Amino acid sequence: MTTRVLFLIAVMFGPIFASMPPWATGPTLILLVILDALTEINWRYIGDTIPSFLVIAFVPFSYNVAYGIIAGMLLYTTVNVLVALTVRISGGRLESENYDFKEYWT
């Protein structure tokens, strides 16, 4: 029943949405998907924050999603290896801020 009612409402607004060009709606939908994904990033731990920000910033500047992901993966590995080495060499005395918020799979 709900699907039928929503479909009837959508049919009435169909011509209005069809008049909008795809180049006007596409970037908005992509932006909304990116903003939704931003809420799932662990912003408390620096090992997750810096690579995530790099991917977000590098993709538009390089005009290539693959290059952004590669840059993020390389920086993610580098940052987390440096943090792990610092903790191991110092015997646990030196930890990055909010090290306890680190995701368990990293």
C-alpha atoms as a PDB file:
ATOM      1  CA  MET A   1       0.000   0.000   0.000  1.00  0.00           C
ATOM      2  CA  THR A   2       2.765   2.432   0.935  1.00  0.00           C
ATOM      3  CA  THR A   3       4.613   1.746  -2.303  1.00  0.00           C
ATOM      4  CA  ARG A   4       1.499   2.514  -4.334  1.00  0.00           C
ATOM      5  CA  VAL A   5       0.902   5.829  -2.604  1.00  0.00           C
ATOM      6  CA  LEU A   6       4.528   6.907  -2.945  1.00  0.00           C
ATOM      7  CA  PHE A   7       4.533   5.864  -6.598  1.00  0.00           C
ATOM      8  CA  LEU A   8       1.453   7.989  -7.296  1.00  0.00           C
ATOM      9  CA  ILE A   9       3.135  10.960  -5.645  1.00  0.00           C
ATOM     10  CA  ALA A  10       6.290  10.341  -7.683  1.00  0.00           C
ATOM     11  CA  VAL A  11       4.268  10.178 -10.918  1.00  0.00           C
ATOM     12  CA  MET A  12       2.901  13.656 -10.272  1.00  0.00           C
ATOM     13  CA  PHE A  13       6.385  15.108  -9.704  1.00  0.00           C
ATOM     14  CA  GLY A  14       7.986  13.156 -12.578  1.00  0.00           C
ATOM     15  CA  PRO A  15       7.756  15.900 -15.230  1.00  0.00           C
ATOM     16  CA  ILE A  16       9.296  18.429 -12.853  1.00  0.00           C
ATOM     17  CA  PHE A  17      12.278  16.180 -12.135  1.00  0.00           C
ATOM     18  CA  ALA A  18      12.614  15.244 -15.806  1.00  0.00           C
ATOM     19  CA  SER A  19      13.016  18.909 -16.739  1.00  0.00           C
ATOM     20  CA  MET A  20      16.197  19.165 -14.655  1.00  0.00           C
ATOM     21  CA  PRO A  21      19.337  18.400 -16.673  1.00  0.00           C
ATOM     22  CA  PRO A  22      21.526  15.515 -15.444  1.00  0.00           C
ATOM     23  CA  TRP A  23      24.556  17.775 -15.082  1.00  0.00           C
ATOM     24  CA  ALA A  24      22.627  19.747 -12.442  1.00  0.00           C
ATOM     25  CA  THR A  25      21.537  16.783 -10.324  1.00  0.00           C
ATOM     26  CA  GLY A  26      24.589  14.511 -10.661  1.00  0.00           C
ATOM     27  CA  PRO A  27      27.084  16.558  -8.617  1.00  0.00           C
ATOM     28  CA  THR A  28      24.510  17.085  -5.879  1.00  0.00           C
ATOM     29  CA  LEU A  29      23.889  13.359  -5.531  1.00  0.00           C
ATOM     30  CA  ILE A  30      27.626  12.639  -5.464  1.00  0.00           C
ATOM     31  CA  LEU A  31      28.134  15.303  -2.799  1.00  0.00           C
ATOM     32  CA  LEU A  32      25.378  13.812  -0.651  1.00  0.00           C
ATOM     33  CA  VAL A  33      26.919  10.341  -0.897  1.00  0.00           C
ATOM     34  CA  ILE A  34      30.325  11.731   0.107  1.00  0.00           C
ATOM     35  CA  LEU A  35      28.853  13.666   3.027  1.00  0.00           C
ATOM     36  CA  ASP A  36      27.063  10.541   4.225  1.00  0.00           C
ATOM     37  CA  ALA A  37      30.334   8.581   4.101  1.00  0.00           C
ATOM     38  CA  LEU A  38      32.130  11.314   6.070  1.00  0.00           C
ATOM     39  CA  THR A  39      30.068  10.495   9.147  1.00  0.00           C
ATOM     40  CA  GLU A  40      31.507   6.971   9.261  1.00  0.00           C
ATOM     41  CA  ILE A  41      35.177   8.029   9.368  1.00  0.00           C
ATOM     42  CA  ASN A  42      36.988   7.693  12.682  1.00  0.00           C
ATOM     43  CA  TRP A  43      37.928  11.360  13.140  1.00  0.00           C
ATOM     44  CA  ARG A  44      39.343  10.847  16.654  1.00  0.00           C
ATOM     45  CA  TYR A  45      42.475   8.903  15.657  1.00  0.00           C
ATOM     46  CA  ILE A  46      45.142  10.582  13.538  1.00  0.00           C
ATOM     47  CA  GLY A  47      45.995   7.347  11.711  1.00  0.00           C
ATOM     48  CA  ASP A  48      42.516   7.349  10.197  1.00  0.00           C
ATOM     49  CA  THR A  49      41.964  11.095   9.944  1.00  0.00           C
ATOM     50  CA  ILE A  50      44.937  12.130   7.800  1.00  0.00           C
ATOM     51  CA  PRO A  51      44.552   9.455   5.078  1.00  0.00           C
ATOM     52  CA  SER A  52      40.794  10.035   4.904  1.00  0.00           C
ATOM     53  CA  PHE A  53      41.268  13.759   4.453  1.00  0.00           C
ATOM     54  CA  LEU A  54      43.964  13.158   1.836  1.00  0.00           C
ATOM     55  CA  VAL A  55      41.627  10.971  -0.225  1.00  0.00           C
ATOM     56  CA  ILE A  56      38.840  13.551   0.014  1.00  0.00           C
ATOM     57  CA  ALA A  57      41.184  16.354  -1.045  1.00  0.00           C
ATOM     58  CA  PHE A  58      43.252  14.459  -3.632  1.00  0.00           C
ATOM     59  CA  VAL A  59      40.442  12.988  -5.740  1.00  0.00           C
ATOM     60  CA  PRO A  60      39.150  16.349  -7.061  1.00  0.00           C
ATOM     61  CA  PHE A  61      42.649  17.729  -7.591  1.00  0.00           C
ATOM     62  CA  SER A  62      43.915  14.703  -9.508  1.00  0.00           C
ATOM     63  CA  TYR A  63      40.639  14.181 -11.443  1.00  0.00           C
ATOM     64  CA  ASN A  64      41.052  10.470 -10.734  1.00  0.00           C
ATOM     65  CA  VAL A  65      39.436   8.414  -7.981  1.00  0.00           C
ATOM     66  CA  ALA A  66      42.050   5.667  -8.265  1.00  0.00           C
ATOM     67  CA  TYR A  67      44.930   8.079  -7.617  1.00  0.00           C
ATOM     68  CA  GLY A  68      43.149   9.432  -4.556  1.00  0.00           C
ATOM     69  CA  ILE A  69      42.598   5.953  -3.150  1.00  0.00           C
ATOM     70  CA  ILE A  70      46.208   4.960  -3.851  1.00  0.00           C
ATOM     71  CA  ALA A  71      47.487   8.096  -2.109  1.00  0.00           C
ATOM     72  CA  GLY A  72      45.222   7.407   0.864  1.00  0.00           C
ATOM     73  CA  MET A  73      46.353   3.783   1.136  1.00  0.00           C
ATOM     74  CA  LEU A  74      50.020   4.745   1.002  1.00  0.00           C
ATOM     75  CA  LEU A  75      49.601   7.469   3.606  1.00  0.00           C
ATOM     76  CA  TYR A  76      47.457   5.182   5.785  1.00  0.00           C
ATOM     77  CA  THR A  77      50.189   2.544   5.778  1.00  0.00           C
ATOM     78  CA  THR A  78      52.929   5.090   6.425  1.00  0.00           C
ATOM     79  CA  VAL A  79      51.169   6.849   9.303  1.00  0.00           C
ATOM     80  CA  ASN A  80      50.116   3.654  11.052  1.00  0.00           C
ATOM     81  CA  VAL A  81      53.563   2.049  10.674  1.00  0.00           C
ATOM     82  CA  LEU A  82      55.192   5.176  12.129  1.00  0.00           C
ATOM     83  CA  VAL A  83      52.746   5.227  15.043  1.00  0.00           C
ATOM     84  CA  ALA A  84      53.283   1.505  15.708  1.00  0.00           C
ATOM     85  CA  LEU A  85      57.070   1.894  15.552  1.00  0.00           C
ATOM     86  CA  THR A  86      56.961   4.862  17.917  1.00  0.00           C
ATOM     87  CA  VAL A  87      54.866   2.938  20.430  1.00  0.00           C
ATOM     88  CA  ARG A  88      57.027  -0.177  20.135  1.00  0.00           C
ATOM     89  CA  ILE A  89      60.397   1.605  20.332  1.00  0.00           C
ATOM     90  CA  SER A  90      59.338   3.734  23.300  1.00  0.00           C
ATOM     91  CA  GLY A  91      57.903   0.724  25.103  1.00  0.00           C
ATOM     92  CA  GLY A  92      54.428   2.252  25.157  1.00  0.00           C
ATOM     93  CA  ARG A  93      55.516   5.519  26.785  1.00  0.00           C
ATOM     94  CA  LEU A  94      54.923   7.560  23.626  1.00  0.00           C
ATOM     95  CA  GLU A  95      51.515   7.177  22.044  1.00  0.00           C
ATOM     96  CA  SER A  96      49.676   9.425  19.652  1.00  0.00           C
ATOM     97  CA  GLU A  97      46.769  11.390  21.016  1.00  0.00           C
ATOM     98  CA  ASN A  98      43.597   9.287  21.193  1.00  0.00           C
ATOM     99  CA  TYR A  99      45.550   6.107  20.423  1.00  0.00           C
ATOM    100  CA  ASP A 100      42.874   4.212  22.348  1.00  0.00           C
ATOM    101  CA  PHE A 101      40.296   5.144  19.694  1.00  0.00           C
ATOM    102  CA  LYS A 102      42.234   3.269  17.010  1.00  0.00           C
ATOM    103  CA  GLU A 103      40.069   0.850  15.036  1.00  0.00           C
ATOM    104  CA  TYR A 104      40.761  -2.777  15.912  1.00  0.00           C
ATOM    105  CA  TRP A 105      41.570  -3.910  12.356  1.00  0.00           C
ATOM    106  CA  THR A 106      44.446  -1.458  11.902  1.00  0.00           C
END
